[in-house]
Amino acid sequence: MGSRLNIAGQMGSKKMSVKMIVPLIVLLAALMILPHFLKNAQLIMMSRIFLLAVYGMSYDILRGYTGFINLGQAIFFGSGVYMGVVFLNMTNNLAFFALAVVAVTVYAFVGGFLMSKVVLKTSGVVAAAMITLALGEIVRNIAERWRSVTGGQDGLPMRASRVALDPLFETRVGAYYFSLVFLIIMVLVLRQFVLSPTGRVLLSIRENEQRARFLGYDTKKYKTIAIIVSAVASGWAGVFFSVIARFANTDYLSVQYTLNALLMTLVGGTGTLYGAILGSAFVTWIQNFLLNLASNNPSVQLLRYPMLFIGSIYVLLVIFLPSGIMGGIYKLQAKSKK
């Protein structure tokens, strides 16, 4: 079905060679030791990278594996952040955090299902994308006006002095480990999903939906499954992210946060799943670097507009590395085998 499917196929090999296992073990060992050498700000950034990587992977299920562009993906991530803060403000313990996870799961499942029913009635990628954008803006506006629950544009802080699951979250090191474990679990779960027969059908829909229909597949049903899985994974990322952010506002529901997920997949490589991890690391680091550079050099007028640099970097990456970082790695591996 084309080179993109071949790239995804390389990622999807069920048998992992020794050459891949050894570097992964070394990387995991390094990540386990790393937090003891980092400052609090660096720990927060690393935790954000892990959780936003899950958010990026949830988007890649749609964009990379199904060919569906959802401009309202932040509905589920932002709602997850809000639910995490709301539930942990009630009682700051494991039970209420678990309730927040259950609540966002139900919300994302129902919301994803309803979104699919609305969006899949349209024909054309652009029309579907515009509808998801409108749905996202509706939810964001509701959140802005529901001040008694969400705090409106002022946001909703986490009132507790210590974050949930004390003593695990009493320190930023505990939050780092929890975020890392969550990322590993979600990589395994989503990898199994894209390797499943359902995941293979989604790839065929991405490459040629009409041909998939001719083969007898109900493409709308499979798209609905993809939207629901993506929504739930995104909601989970959001509720875990609330523990790191300790604050929720409507920015997490905005189209900008959806575009962040899109950028992560583009930079890392769409249809590779793991690319979202690299994309999250790159996007989060470059944003933090430029913002810190601007704050430390207030006299430099150009640095007051970091998005100019960020946008330029993204454009250069798309031009010179159109398949993303992970796609480039796969291509180099393919050339080395010839």
Foldseek 3Di string as FASTA:
>chain_A
DDDLVVLLVVLQDPDDDPVVVVVVVVVVVCLLPPVVVDDLVVLLLLLQLLLQLLLLLLQLLCCFQQVAAALQLLLLLQVLLLLLLQQCLVPAEDVSLVVSLVVSLVVLLVVLLVLLVVLVVDDDRVSSRVVNQVVLVVSLVVLLPVCVRAVHQVWGFRPDPFHYHPPLRNGSSSLSVVSNVVSVVSLVVVSVVCNDPLVVLSNVNNVPVVVSVVVPDPSSVSSSVSSSSSSSSSSVSNSSVSSSVRIHHSVSSHSVVVVLSVQQCQQQFRSNSCRSSVSSSVLSVLVVVLVVVCVVCVVPPVSVCSVVVVVVVSVVCCVPPVRHPSSVVSVVVVVVVD
